Amino acid sequence: MRVDLDPESLGAGAFYRLLTAVVVPRPIAWVSTLAADGTTANLAPHSFFTVACTDPPIVQFTSVGRKDTLRNVQATGEFVVNFAPEPLFEQINATATDFPADEGEFEAVGIEREASLRVKPPRVAASPVALECRLHSTLGIGASTLVLGQVVHAAVREDVIVDGHPDIRRLRPLSRLGRNEWGTLGEIRDLARVAYRDRPPS
């Protein structure tokens, strides 16, 4: 037996909570931006995040509502996606606080920054990977805005690379689940795809 739920009857808030409980785990884009006047650096986690294209390399995140991150990206055309690792769990959660627009999260939370190479917004110094992005486009969808950014530079810390490739056990990614729940790496299963020509006869 199933419980049938209608989005219109349930309402946007309740259905949002349902969606975020079942569309899991969600990777986290820890996005740093600069205000239009360059004075304030914003840093906030966004859990509606994925790769949109590989050639050219484009990542996407969704701003639910019109937040500082979105305003800054649209004003400057630049942002950095900082990888969200387990050791920075408390700091990542702290940057989700609704600070005033003129109060930067780097300073408020005590997060060290470092200069980016190709864009103006700073990177999180302790994050193992930073994807420097220039705005490709945005798309308004109801109360949300989809942000697509072309990756113009990737900076990966040497100690997370094994055999020339970022190692998942060293990256230790966080993910968002439902309610106030977060996920850690857990068990890793390695299974290669089987080409059609290699499938055993049925």
N, C-alpha and C. Protein backbone atom coordinates (compact mmCIF):
# COMPACT_ATOMS: atom_id res chain seq x y z
N MET A 1 0.84 -1.19 0.00
CA MET A 1 0.00 0.00 0.00
C MET A 1 0.88 1.25 0.00
N ARG A 2 0.46 2.28 -0.72
CA ARG A 2 1.19 3.54 -0.79
C ARG A 2 0.32 4.68 -0.27
N VAL A 3 0.97 5.77 0.13
CA VAL A 3 0.28 7.00 0.49
C VAL A 3 0.33 7.92 -0.71
N ASP A 4 -0.80 8.35 -1.22
CA ASP A 4 -0.86 9.22 -2.39
C ASP A 4 -0.87 10.68 -1.95
N LEU A 5 0.02 11.47 -2.54
CA LEU A 5 0.18 12.87 -2.15
C LEU A 5 0.10 13.77 -3.37
N ASP A 6 -0.78 14.73 -3.33
CA ASP A 6 -0.96 15.67 -4.43
C ASP A 6 -0.23 16.97 -4.10
N PRO A 7 0.69 17.43 -4.96
CA PRO A 7 1.45 18.65 -4.66
C PRO A 7 0.58 19.87 -4.39
N GLU A 8 -0.49 20.03 -5.15
CA GLU A 8 -1.35 21.21 -4.96
C GLU A 8 -2.10 21.14 -3.64
N SER A 9 -2.56 19.97 -3.28
CA SER A 9 -3.30 19.83 -2.02
C SER A 9 -2.37 19.96 -0.82
N LEU A 10 -1.16 19.42 -0.96
CA LEU A 10 -0.23 19.41 0.15
C LEU A 10 0.34 20.81 0.43
N GLY A 11 0.55 21.58 -0.65
CA GLY A 11 1.14 22.91 -0.50
C GLY A 11 2.63 22.88 -0.74
N ALA A 12 3.17 24.02 -1.17
CA ALA A 12 4.57 24.09 -1.58
C ALA A 12 5.53 23.72 -0.47
N GLY A 13 5.31 24.23 0.74
CA GLY A 13 6.23 23.97 1.83
C GLY A 13 6.30 22.51 2.21
N ALA A 14 5.15 21.88 2.35
CA ALA A 14 5.10 20.47 2.73
C ALA A 14 5.66 19.59 1.62
N PHE A 15 5.38 19.94 0.37
CA PHE A 15 5.89 19.11 -0.73
C PHE A 15 7.40 19.31 -0.90
N TYR A 16 7.91 20.51 -0.60
CA TYR A 16 9.36 20.74 -0.58
C TYR A 16 10.02 19.79 0.41
N ARG A 17 9.44 19.66 1.59
CA ARG A 17 10.01 18.77 2.60
C ARG A 17 9.96 17.32 2.16
N LEU A 18 8.92 16.95 1.42
CA LEU A 18 8.85 15.60 0.88
C LEU A 18 9.93 15.38 -0.17
N LEU A 19 10.06 16.32 -1.10
CA LEU A 19 11.06 16.17 -2.16
C LEU A 19 12.47 16.05 -1.60
N THR A 20 12.81 16.92 -0.63
CA THR A 20 14.17 16.89 -0.09
C THR A 20 14.41 15.66 0.77
N ALA A 21 13.35 14.96 1.17
CA ALA A 21 13.52 13.72 1.93
C ALA A 21 13.73 12.51 1.04
N VAL A 22 13.25 12.60 -0.21
CA VAL A 22 13.34 11.43 -1.09
C VAL A 22 14.32 11.61 -2.25
N VAL A 23 14.66 12.85 -2.58
CA VAL A 23 15.70 13.07 -3.60
C VAL A 23 17.01 13.22 -2.85
N VAL A 24 17.58 12.07 -2.51
CA VAL A 24 18.76 12.02 -1.64
C VAL A 24 19.71 10.92 -2.10
N PRO A 25 21.00 11.01 -1.75
CA PRO A 25 21.66 12.17 -1.15
C PRO A 25 21.92 13.24 -2.21
N ARG A 26 22.03 14.49 -1.77
CA ARG A 26 22.28 15.58 -2.69
C ARG A 26 23.66 16.18 -2.42
N PRO A 27 24.52 16.27 -3.45
CA PRO A 27 25.81 16.92 -3.25
C PRO A 27 25.63 18.40 -2.94
N ILE A 28 26.63 18.98 -2.31
CA ILE A 28 26.53 20.36 -1.85
C ILE A 28 27.50 21.25 -2.62
N ALA A 29 26.97 22.30 -3.22
CA ALA A 29 27.81 23.34 -3.81
C ALA A 29 27.98 24.43 -2.74
N TRP A 30 29.19 24.59 -2.25
CA TRP A 30 29.49 25.63 -1.26
C TRP A 30 29.97 26.83 -2.06
N VAL A 31 29.06 27.73 -2.36
CA VAL A 31 29.29 28.76 -3.37
C VAL A 31 29.78 30.06 -2.75
N SER A 32 30.93 30.53 -3.25
CA SER A 32 31.44 31.84 -2.83
C SER A 32 31.26 32.84 -3.96
N THR A 33 30.85 34.05 -3.57
CA THR A 33 30.61 35.12 -4.54
C THR A 33 31.09 36.44 -3.94
N LEU A 34 31.15 37.45 -4.79
CA LEU A 34 31.45 38.81 -4.34
C LEU A 34 30.27 39.72 -4.64
N ALA A 35 30.01 40.65 -3.73
CA ALA A 35 29.00 41.66 -3.99
C ALA A 35 29.42 42.53 -5.17
N ALA A 36 28.47 43.20 -5.77
CA ALA A 36 28.74 43.99 -6.97
C ALA A 36 29.84 45.02 -6.75
N ASP A 37 29.89 45.60 -5.53
CA ASP A 37 30.92 46.62 -5.26
C ASP A 37 32.23 46.02 -4.80
N GLY A 38 32.30 44.69 -4.71
CA GLY A 38 33.54 44.02 -4.36
C GLY A 38 33.91 44.04 -2.89
N THR A 39 33.04 44.57 -2.03
CA THR A 39 33.41 44.75 -0.63
C THR A 39 33.09 43.54 0.25
N THR A 40 32.08 42.78 -0.11
CA THR A 40 31.63 41.68 0.75
C THR A 40 31.70 40.36 -0.01
N ALA A 41 32.32 39.36 0.62
CA ALA A 41 32.39 38.01 0.05
C ALA A 41 31.33 37.15 0.73
N ASN A 42 30.45 36.58 -0.08
CA ASN A 42 29.37 35.73 0.42
C ASN A 42 29.77 34.27 0.26
N LEU A 43 29.32 33.43 1.18
CA LEU A 43 29.60 32.00 1.12
C LEU A 43 28.38 31.25 1.64
N ALA A 44 27.80 30.38 0.82
CA ALA A 44 26.58 29.69 1.24
C ALA A 44 26.49 28.32 0.57
N PRO A 45 25.93 27.32 1.29
CA PRO A 45 25.75 25.99 0.71
C PRO A 45 24.44 25.89 -0.07
N HIS A 46 24.48 25.19 -1.19
CA HIS A 46 23.30 24.95 -2.02
C HIS A 46 23.27 23.46 -2.35
N SER A 47 22.20 22.78 -1.95
CA SER A 47 22.16 21.33 -2.12
C SER A 47 21.39 20.87 -3.35
N PHE A 48 20.90 21.80 -4.16
CA PHE A 48 20.35 21.42 -5.46
C PHE A 48 21.46 21.69 -6.47
N PHE A 49 22.35 20.73 -6.67
CA PHE A 49 23.62 20.95 -7.37
C PHE A 49 24.02 19.71 -8.16
N THR A 50 24.50 19.94 -9.40
CA THR A 50 25.01 18.82 -10.19
C THR A 50 25.79 19.35 -11.38
N VAL A 51 26.30 18.41 -12.21
CA VAL A 51 26.95 18.74 -13.48
C VAL A 51 25.88 18.86 -14.55
N ALA A 52 25.96 19.92 -15.35
CA ALA A 52 24.99 20.11 -16.43
C ALA A 52 25.55 19.68 -17.77
N CYS A 53 26.86 19.83 -17.98
CA CYS A 53 27.48 19.53 -19.26
C CYS A 53 28.96 19.29 -19.03
N THR A 54 29.57 18.44 -19.86
CA THR A 54 31.00 18.18 -19.74
C THR A 54 31.83 18.86 -20.82
N ASP A 55 31.21 19.22 -21.93
CA ASP A 55 31.94 19.87 -23.01
C ASP A 55 31.05 20.91 -23.68
N PRO A 56 31.12 22.19 -23.24
CA PRO A 56 32.04 22.73 -22.24
C PRO A 56 31.65 22.30 -20.82
N PRO A 57 32.60 22.38 -19.87
CA PRO A 57 32.28 21.97 -18.50
C PRO A 57 31.38 23.00 -17.80
N ILE A 58 30.16 22.59 -17.50
CA ILE A 58 29.19 23.49 -16.87
C ILE A 58 28.57 22.79 -15.67
N VAL A 59 28.54 23.49 -14.55
CA VAL A 59 27.86 23.00 -13.36
C VAL A 59 26.63 23.86 -13.11
N GLN A 60 25.70 23.32 -12.33
CA GLN A 60 24.47 24.07 -12.08
C GLN A 60 24.07 23.94 -10.62
N PHE A 61 23.51 25.01 -10.08
CA PHE A 61 22.88 24.93 -8.77
C PHE A 61 21.61 25.77 -8.83
N THR A 62 20.73 25.49 -7.89
CA THR A 62 19.45 26.19 -7.84
C THR A 62 19.38 27.07 -6.60
N SER A 63 19.01 28.32 -6.79
CA SER A 63 18.72 29.20 -5.68
C SER A 63 17.23 29.16 -5.42
N VAL A 64 16.85 28.65 -4.24
CA VAL A 64 15.44 28.62 -3.86
C VAL A 64 15.12 29.97 -3.23
N GLY A 65 14.42 30.81 -3.96
CA GLY A 65 14.24 32.20 -3.53
C GLY A 65 15.40 33.05 -4.05
N ARG A 66 15.32 34.33 -3.80
CA ARG A 66 16.35 35.25 -4.29
C ARG A 66 17.30 35.60 -3.16
N LYS A 67 18.41 34.89 -3.09
CA LYS A 67 19.35 35.04 -1.99
C LYS A 67 20.58 35.83 -2.43
N ASP A 68 21.46 36.12 -1.46
CA ASP A 68 22.66 36.90 -1.74
C ASP A 68 23.50 36.27 -2.84
N THR A 69 23.63 34.94 -2.82
CA THR A 69 24.43 34.25 -3.83
C THR A 69 23.92 34.58 -5.23
N LEU A 70 22.63 34.45 -5.43
CA LEU A 70 22.05 34.71 -6.75
C LEU A 70 22.24 36.16 -7.16
N ARG A 71 21.97 37.08 -6.26
CA ARG A 71 22.14 38.50 -6.58
C ARG A 71 23.59 38.79 -6.99
N ASN A 72 24.53 38.25 -6.26
CA ASN A 72 25.95 38.49 -6.56
C ASN A 72 26.35 37.89 -7.90
N VAL A 73 25.91 36.66 -8.16
CA VAL A 73 26.24 36.00 -9.43
C VAL A 73 25.69 36.79 -10.61
N GLN A 74 24.45 37.25 -10.49
CA GLN A 74 23.85 37.99 -11.59
C GLN A 74 24.50 39.36 -11.77
N ALA A 75 25.01 39.93 -10.68
CA ALA A 75 25.65 41.25 -10.78
C ALA A 75 27.08 41.17 -11.30
N THR A 76 27.80 40.10 -10.96
CA THR A 76 29.24 40.02 -11.30
C THR A 76 29.55 38.99 -12.39
N GLY A 77 28.68 37.99 -12.54
CA GLY A 77 28.92 36.96 -13.55
C GLY A 77 29.95 35.93 -13.15
N GLU A 78 30.28 35.85 -11.85
CA GLU A 78 31.32 34.91 -11.41
C GLU A 78 30.94 34.26 -10.08
N PHE A 79 31.43 33.04 -9.87
CA PHE A 79 31.29 32.36 -8.58
C PHE A 79 32.27 31.20 -8.51
N VAL A 80 32.45 30.69 -7.30
CA VAL A 80 33.31 29.52 -7.07
C VAL A 80 32.50 28.47 -6.35
N VAL A 81 32.54 27.23 -6.85
CA VAL A 81 31.95 26.11 -6.13
C VAL A 81 33.07 25.44 -5.35
N ASN A 82 33.01 25.54 -4.03
CA ASN A 82 33.98 24.91 -3.15
C ASN A 82 33.44 23.56 -2.70
N PHE A 83 34.27 22.53 -2.79
CA PHE A 83 33.86 21.19 -2.37
C PHE A 83 33.53 21.20 -0.89
N ALA A 84 32.49 20.47 -0.50
CA ALA A 84 32.03 20.45 0.90
C ALA A 84 32.44 19.13 1.56
N PRO A 85 33.57 19.11 2.27
CA PRO A 85 34.05 17.87 2.87
C PRO A 85 33.59 17.71 4.32
N GLU A 86 33.59 16.49 4.78
CA GLU A 86 33.13 16.17 6.13
C GLU A 86 33.84 16.96 7.23
N PRO A 87 35.17 17.16 7.17
CA PRO A 87 35.82 17.90 8.26
C PRO A 87 35.34 19.33 8.42
N LEU A 88 34.70 19.91 7.40
CA LEU A 88 34.23 21.29 7.48
C LEU A 88 32.72 21.37 7.74
N PHE A 89 32.17 20.28 8.24
CA PHE A 89 30.73 20.17 8.45
C PHE A 89 30.14 21.35 9.22
N GLU A 90 30.73 21.69 10.36
CA GLU A 90 30.19 22.76 11.20
C GLU A 90 30.22 24.11 10.48
N GLN A 91 31.33 24.39 9.80
CA GLN A 91 31.45 25.67 9.10
C GLN A 91 30.46 25.77 7.94
N ILE A 92 30.28 24.67 7.22
CA ILE A 92 29.34 24.67 6.09
C ILE A 92 27.93 24.97 6.60
N ASN A 93 27.55 24.28 7.67
CA ASN A 93 26.22 24.51 8.24
C ASN A 93 26.07 25.95 8.74
N ALA A 94 27.14 26.49 9.32
CA ALA A 94 27.08 27.86 9.86
C ALA A 94 26.89 28.90 8.76
N THR A 95 27.40 28.62 7.55
CA THR A 95 27.25 29.60 6.47
C THR A 95 25.86 29.57 5.85
N ALA A 96 25.02 28.65 6.29
CA ALA A 96 23.62 28.62 5.83
C ALA A 96 22.75 29.61 6.61
N THR A 97 23.33 30.25 7.64
CA THR A 97 22.60 31.26 8.42
C THR A 97 22.25 32.44 7.52
N ASP A 98 21.10 33.04 7.76
CA ASP A 98 20.65 34.16 6.92
C ASP A 98 21.30 35.48 7.37
N PHE A 99 22.61 35.58 7.19
CA PHE A 99 23.32 36.81 7.52
C PHE A 99 22.82 37.96 6.64
N PRO A 100 22.88 39.20 7.13
CA PRO A 100 22.58 40.34 6.27
C PRO A 100 23.53 40.38 5.08
N ALA A 101 23.08 40.98 3.99
CA ALA A 101 23.86 40.98 2.75
C ALA A 101 25.23 41.62 2.91
N ASP A 102 25.35 42.59 3.83
CA ASP A 102 26.63 43.29 3.99
C ASP A 102 27.53 42.64 5.04
N GLU A 103 27.14 41.47 5.53
CA GLU A 103 27.98 40.74 6.50
C GLU A 103 28.48 39.45 5.85
N GLY A 104 29.77 39.41 5.55
CA GLY A 104 30.33 38.27 4.84
C GLY A 104 30.50 37.05 5.73
N GLU A 105 30.16 35.88 5.18
CA GLU A 105 30.25 34.64 5.96
C GLU A 105 31.68 34.24 6.27
N PHE A 106 32.63 34.56 5.39
CA PHE A 106 34.02 34.20 5.68
C PHE A 106 34.43 34.76 7.04
N GLU A 107 34.17 36.05 7.25
CA GLU A 107 34.56 36.69 8.50
C GLU A 107 33.64 36.27 9.65
N ALA A 108 32.34 36.21 9.39
CA ALA A 108 31.39 35.90 10.46
C ALA A 108 31.61 34.51 11.05
N VAL A 109 31.96 33.56 10.19
CA VAL A 109 32.13 32.18 10.64
C VAL A 109 33.59 31.86 10.95
N GLY A 110 34.51 32.71 10.49
CA GLY A 110 35.93 32.47 10.72
C GLY A 110 36.53 31.48 9.75
N ILE A 111 36.22 31.65 8.46
CA ILE A 111 36.72 30.74 7.42
C ILE A 111 37.83 31.44 6.64
N GLU A 112 38.97 30.77 6.53
CA GLU A 112 40.09 31.34 5.79
C GLU A 112 39.82 31.28 4.30
N ARG A 113 40.13 32.35 3.63
CA ARG A 113 39.95 32.41 2.18
C ARG A 113 41.30 32.40 1.48
N GLU A 114 41.26 32.10 0.18
CA GLU A 114 42.45 32.24 -0.66
C GLU A 114 42.00 32.80 -2.00
N ALA A 115 42.93 33.44 -2.69
CA ALA A 115 42.60 34.06 -3.97
C ALA A 115 42.34 33.00 -5.03
N SER A 116 41.36 33.24 -5.87
CA SER A 116 41.13 32.40 -7.04
C SER A 116 42.09 32.81 -8.15
N LEU A 117 42.23 31.96 -9.16
CA LEU A 117 43.16 32.23 -10.25
C LEU A 117 42.51 32.96 -11.41
N ARG A 118 41.24 32.58 -11.75
CA ARG A 118 40.62 33.11 -12.96
C ARG A 118 39.41 34.00 -12.70
N VAL A 119 38.90 33.99 -11.48
CA VAL A 119 37.73 34.81 -11.15
C VAL A 119 38.02 35.60 -9.88
N LYS A 120 37.18 36.59 -9.59
CA LYS A 120 37.41 37.45 -8.43
C LYS A 120 36.92 36.89 -7.10
N PRO A 121 35.81 36.16 -7.03
CA PRO A 121 35.39 35.62 -5.73
C PRO A 121 36.47 34.71 -5.15
N PRO A 122 36.68 34.77 -3.83
CA PRO A 122 37.73 33.94 -3.23
C PRO A 122 37.30 32.49 -3.10
N ARG A 123 38.29 31.62 -2.91
CA ARG A 123 38.05 30.22 -2.63
C ARG A 123 38.12 29.98 -1.12
N VAL A 124 37.56 28.88 -0.66
CA VAL A 124 37.72 28.44 0.73
C VAL A 124 39.06 27.73 0.81
N ALA A 125 39.98 28.25 1.61
CA ALA A 125 41.33 27.71 1.65
C ALA A 125 41.37 26.24 2.08
N ALA A 126 40.50 25.84 2.99
CA ALA A 126 40.52 24.48 3.52
C ALA A 126 39.76 23.47 2.67
N SER A 127 39.06 23.94 1.65
CA SER A 127 38.31 23.02 0.79
C SER A 127 39.28 22.33 -0.16
N PRO A 128 39.14 21.01 -0.36
CA PRO A 128 40.10 20.29 -1.21
C PRO A 128 39.95 20.55 -2.71
N VAL A 129 38.80 21.05 -3.14
CA VAL A 129 38.57 21.30 -4.57
C VAL A 129 37.79 22.60 -4.73
N ALA A 130 38.20 23.40 -5.70
CA ALA A 130 37.45 24.62 -6.03
C ALA A 130 37.25 24.68 -7.53
N LEU A 131 36.02 24.92 -7.95
CA LEU A 131 35.68 25.08 -9.36
C LEU A 131 35.36 26.55 -9.59
N GLU A 132 36.24 27.24 -10.29
CA GLU A 132 36.03 28.65 -10.57
C GLU A 132 35.14 28.77 -11.81
N CYS A 133 34.06 29.54 -11.69
CA CYS A 133 33.03 29.55 -12.73
C CYS A 133 32.70 30.96 -13.20
N ARG A 134 32.36 31.06 -14.48
CA ARG A 134 31.76 32.27 -15.03
C ARG A 134 30.33 31.93 -15.42
N LEU A 135 29.44 32.87 -15.16
CA LEU A 135 28.03 32.63 -15.40
C LEU A 135 27.76 32.32 -16.87
N HIS A 136 27.10 31.22 -17.13
CA HIS A 136 26.67 30.86 -18.47
C HIS A 136 25.27 31.41 -18.72
N SER A 137 24.35 31.11 -17.79
CA SER A 137 22.97 31.57 -17.93
C SER A 137 22.20 31.27 -16.66
N THR A 138 21.05 31.90 -16.55
CA THR A 138 20.12 31.57 -15.46
C THR A 138 18.75 31.30 -16.06
N LEU A 139 17.97 30.55 -15.33
CA LEU A 139 16.62 30.23 -15.77
C LEU A 139 15.69 30.30 -14.57
N GLY A 140 14.72 31.20 -14.63
CA GLY A 140 13.73 31.30 -13.57
C GLY A 140 12.70 30.20 -13.71
N ILE A 141 12.48 29.46 -12.62
CA ILE A 141 11.49 28.38 -12.61
C ILE A 141 10.65 28.57 -11.36
N GLY A 142 9.47 29.14 -11.50
CA GLY A 142 8.63 29.38 -10.34
C GLY A 142 9.35 30.27 -9.33
N ALA A 143 9.43 29.80 -8.08
CA ALA A 143 10.07 30.57 -7.02
C ALA A 143 11.58 30.39 -6.98
N SER A 144 12.13 29.60 -7.89
CA SER A 144 13.56 29.29 -7.88
C SER A 144 14.25 29.79 -9.14
N THR A 145 15.58 29.85 -9.08
CA THR A 145 16.39 30.23 -10.24
C THR A 145 17.51 29.21 -10.42
N LEU A 146 17.56 28.63 -11.60
CA LEU A 146 18.64 27.71 -11.96
C LEU A 146 19.82 28.51 -12.47
N VAL A 147 20.98 28.28 -11.88
CA VAL A 147 22.20 28.99 -12.25
C VAL A 147 23.17 28.02 -12.91
N LEU A 148 23.58 28.33 -14.13
CA LEU A 148 24.56 27.50 -14.83
C LEU A 148 25.86 28.28 -14.98
N GLY A 149 26.96 27.67 -14.59
CA GLY A 149 28.25 28.33 -14.68
C GLY A 149 29.28 27.48 -15.40
N GLN A 150 30.01 28.10 -16.31
CA GLN A 150 31.07 27.38 -17.01
C GLN A 150 32.32 27.37 -16.15
N VAL A 151 32.87 26.18 -15.93
CA VAL A 151 34.07 26.04 -15.13
C VAL A 151 35.27 26.49 -15.96
N VAL A 152 35.94 27.55 -15.50
CA VAL A 152 37.09 28.08 -16.24
C VAL A 152 38.41 27.68 -15.59
N HIS A 153 38.33 27.13 -14.38
CA HIS A 153 39.55 26.66 -13.71
C HIS A 153 39.15 25.73 -12.57
N ALA A 154 39.89 24.65 -12.39
CA ALA A 154 39.70 23.75 -11.26
C ALA A 154 40.99 23.68 -10.46
N ALA A 155 40.89 23.83 -9.15
CA ALA A 155 42.05 23.75 -8.27
C ALA A 155 41.83 22.60 -7.29
N VAL A 156 42.69 21.58 -7.35
CA VAL A 156 42.54 20.38 -6.54
C VAL A 156 43.77 20.23 -5.65
N ARG A 157 43.56 20.02 -4.37
CA ARG A 157 44.66 19.87 -3.44
C ARG A 157 45.41 18.56 -3.72
N GLU A 158 46.71 18.59 -3.68
CA GLU A 158 47.53 17.43 -4.05
C GLU A 158 47.25 16.22 -3.17
N ASP A 159 46.96 16.44 -1.89
CA ASP A 159 46.83 15.31 -0.97
C ASP A 159 45.55 14.51 -1.15
N VAL A 160 44.63 14.94 -2.03
CA VAL A 160 43.43 14.13 -2.30
C VAL A 160 43.54 13.40 -3.64
N ILE A 161 44.67 13.53 -4.30
CA ILE A 161 44.87 12.90 -5.61
C ILE A 161 45.63 11.58 -5.44
N VAL A 162 45.09 10.53 -6.02
CA VAL A 162 45.73 9.21 -6.04
C VAL A 162 45.77 8.74 -7.48
N ASP A 163 46.96 8.41 -7.96
CA ASP A 163 47.14 7.96 -9.35
C ASP A 163 46.55 8.96 -10.35
N GLY A 164 46.74 10.23 -10.06
CA GLY A 164 46.32 11.28 -10.98
C GLY A 164 44.84 11.61 -10.95
N HIS A 165 44.11 11.07 -9.97
CA HIS A 165 42.66 11.28 -9.94
C HIS A 165 42.21 11.57 -8.52
N PRO A 166 41.27 12.50 -8.30
CA PRO A 166 40.77 12.73 -6.94
C PRO A 166 40.18 11.45 -6.35
N ASP A 167 40.60 11.13 -5.14
CA ASP A 167 40.18 9.89 -4.48
C ASP A 167 39.01 10.17 -3.54
N ILE A 168 37.92 9.44 -3.70
CA ILE A 168 36.70 9.72 -2.93
C ILE A 168 36.92 9.54 -1.43
N ARG A 169 37.78 8.61 -1.03
CA ARG A 169 38.02 8.38 0.40
C ARG A 169 38.80 9.53 1.02
N ARG A 170 39.57 10.24 0.22
CA ARG A 170 40.30 11.40 0.72
C ARG A 170 39.45 12.67 0.63
N LEU A 171 38.56 12.72 -0.32
CA LEU A 171 37.68 13.88 -0.44
C LEU A 171 36.64 13.93 0.69
N ARG A 172 36.09 12.79 1.07
CA ARG A 172 35.12 12.67 2.16
C ARG A 172 33.95 13.66 2.00
N PRO A 173 33.17 13.51 0.93
CA PRO A 173 32.09 14.48 0.67
C PRO A 173 30.95 14.38 1.67
N LEU A 174 30.38 15.54 1.96
CA LEU A 174 29.12 15.62 2.70
C LEU A 174 27.98 15.64 1.70
N SER A 175 26.81 15.24 2.14
CA SER A 175 25.61 15.38 1.31
C SER A 175 24.45 15.79 2.20
N ARG A 176 23.43 16.36 1.56
CA ARG A 176 22.23 16.75 2.30
C ARG A 176 21.16 15.69 2.11
N LEU A 177 20.43 15.45 3.18
CA LEU A 177 19.32 14.51 3.17
C LEU A 177 18.04 15.29 3.49
N GLY A 178 17.08 14.68 4.15
CA GLY A 178 15.86 15.38 4.52
C GLY A 178 16.01 16.11 5.84
N ARG A 179 15.07 16.98 6.14
CA ARG A 179 15.04 17.73 7.39
C ARG A 179 16.40 18.37 7.66
N ASN A 180 16.96 18.14 8.88
CA ASN A 180 18.28 18.67 9.21
C ASN A 180 19.35 17.60 9.11
N GLU A 181 19.07 16.57 8.31
CA GLU A 181 19.97 15.43 8.22
C GLU A 181 21.04 15.64 7.14
N TRP A 182 22.24 15.16 7.45
CA TRP A 182 23.37 15.21 6.52
C TRP A 182 23.91 13.79 6.33
N GLY A 183 24.51 13.54 5.19
CA GLY A 183 25.09 12.23 4.93
C GLY A 183 26.60 12.32 4.79
N THR A 184 27.27 11.24 5.18
CA THR A 184 28.71 11.12 4.95
C THR A 184 28.94 9.98 3.97
N LEU A 185 30.19 9.69 3.70
CA LEU A 185 30.52 8.80 2.58
C LEU A 185 29.93 7.40 2.72
N GLY A 186 30.09 6.77 3.87
CA GLY A 186 29.56 5.42 4.07
C GLY A 186 30.28 4.39 3.21
N GLU A 187 29.60 3.28 2.95
CA GLU A 187 30.18 2.18 2.18
C GLU A 187 30.33 2.56 0.71
N ILE A 188 31.46 2.16 0.11
CA ILE A 188 31.70 2.40 -1.32
C ILE A 188 31.66 1.06 -2.05
N ARG A 189 30.85 1.01 -3.08
CA ARG A 189 30.77 -0.21 -3.90
C ARG A 189 31.27 0.10 -5.30
N ASP A 190 32.12 -0.73 -5.82
CA ASP A 190 32.75 -0.52 -7.12
C ASP A 190 32.20 -1.55 -8.10
N LEU A 191 31.51 -1.10 -9.14
CA LEU A 191 30.91 -2.01 -10.11
C LEU A 191 30.94 -1.38 -11.48
N ALA A 192 31.66 -1.99 -12.41
CA ALA A 192 31.79 -1.45 -13.76
C ALA A 192 30.53 -1.74 -14.58
N ARG A 193 30.23 -0.86 -15.55
CA ARG A 193 29.13 -1.12 -16.46
C ARG A 193 29.48 -2.28 -17.38
N VAL A 194 28.46 -2.97 -17.82
CA VAL A 194 28.66 -4.07 -18.76
C VAL A 194 28.18 -3.63 -20.14
N ALA A 195 29.09 -3.66 -21.13
CA ALA A 195 28.71 -3.33 -22.49
C ALA A 195 27.73 -4.38 -23.04
N TYR A 196 26.85 -3.95 -23.94
CA TYR A 196 25.85 -4.87 -24.48
C TYR A 196 26.50 -6.10 -25.10
N ARG A 197 27.61 -5.86 -25.80
CA ARG A 197 28.27 -6.99 -26.49
C ARG A 197 28.85 -7.99 -25.51
N ASP A 198 29.08 -7.56 -24.25
CA ASP A 198 29.68 -8.44 -23.26
C ASP A 198 28.65 -9.09 -22.35
N ARG A 199 27.36 -8.81 -22.58
CA ARG A 199 26.34 -9.39 -21.73
C ARG A 199 26.28 -10.90 -21.94
N PRO A 200 26.16 -11.66 -20.85
CA PRO A 200 26.04 -13.11 -21.00
C PRO A 200 24.71 -13.46 -21.66
N PRO A 201 24.66 -14.51 -22.43
CA PRO A 201 23.39 -14.90 -23.05
C PRO A 201 22.37 -15.28 -21.98
N SER A 202 21.12 -14.92 -22.25
CA SER A 202 20.07 -15.21 -21.25
C SER A 202 19.55 -16.63 -21.45
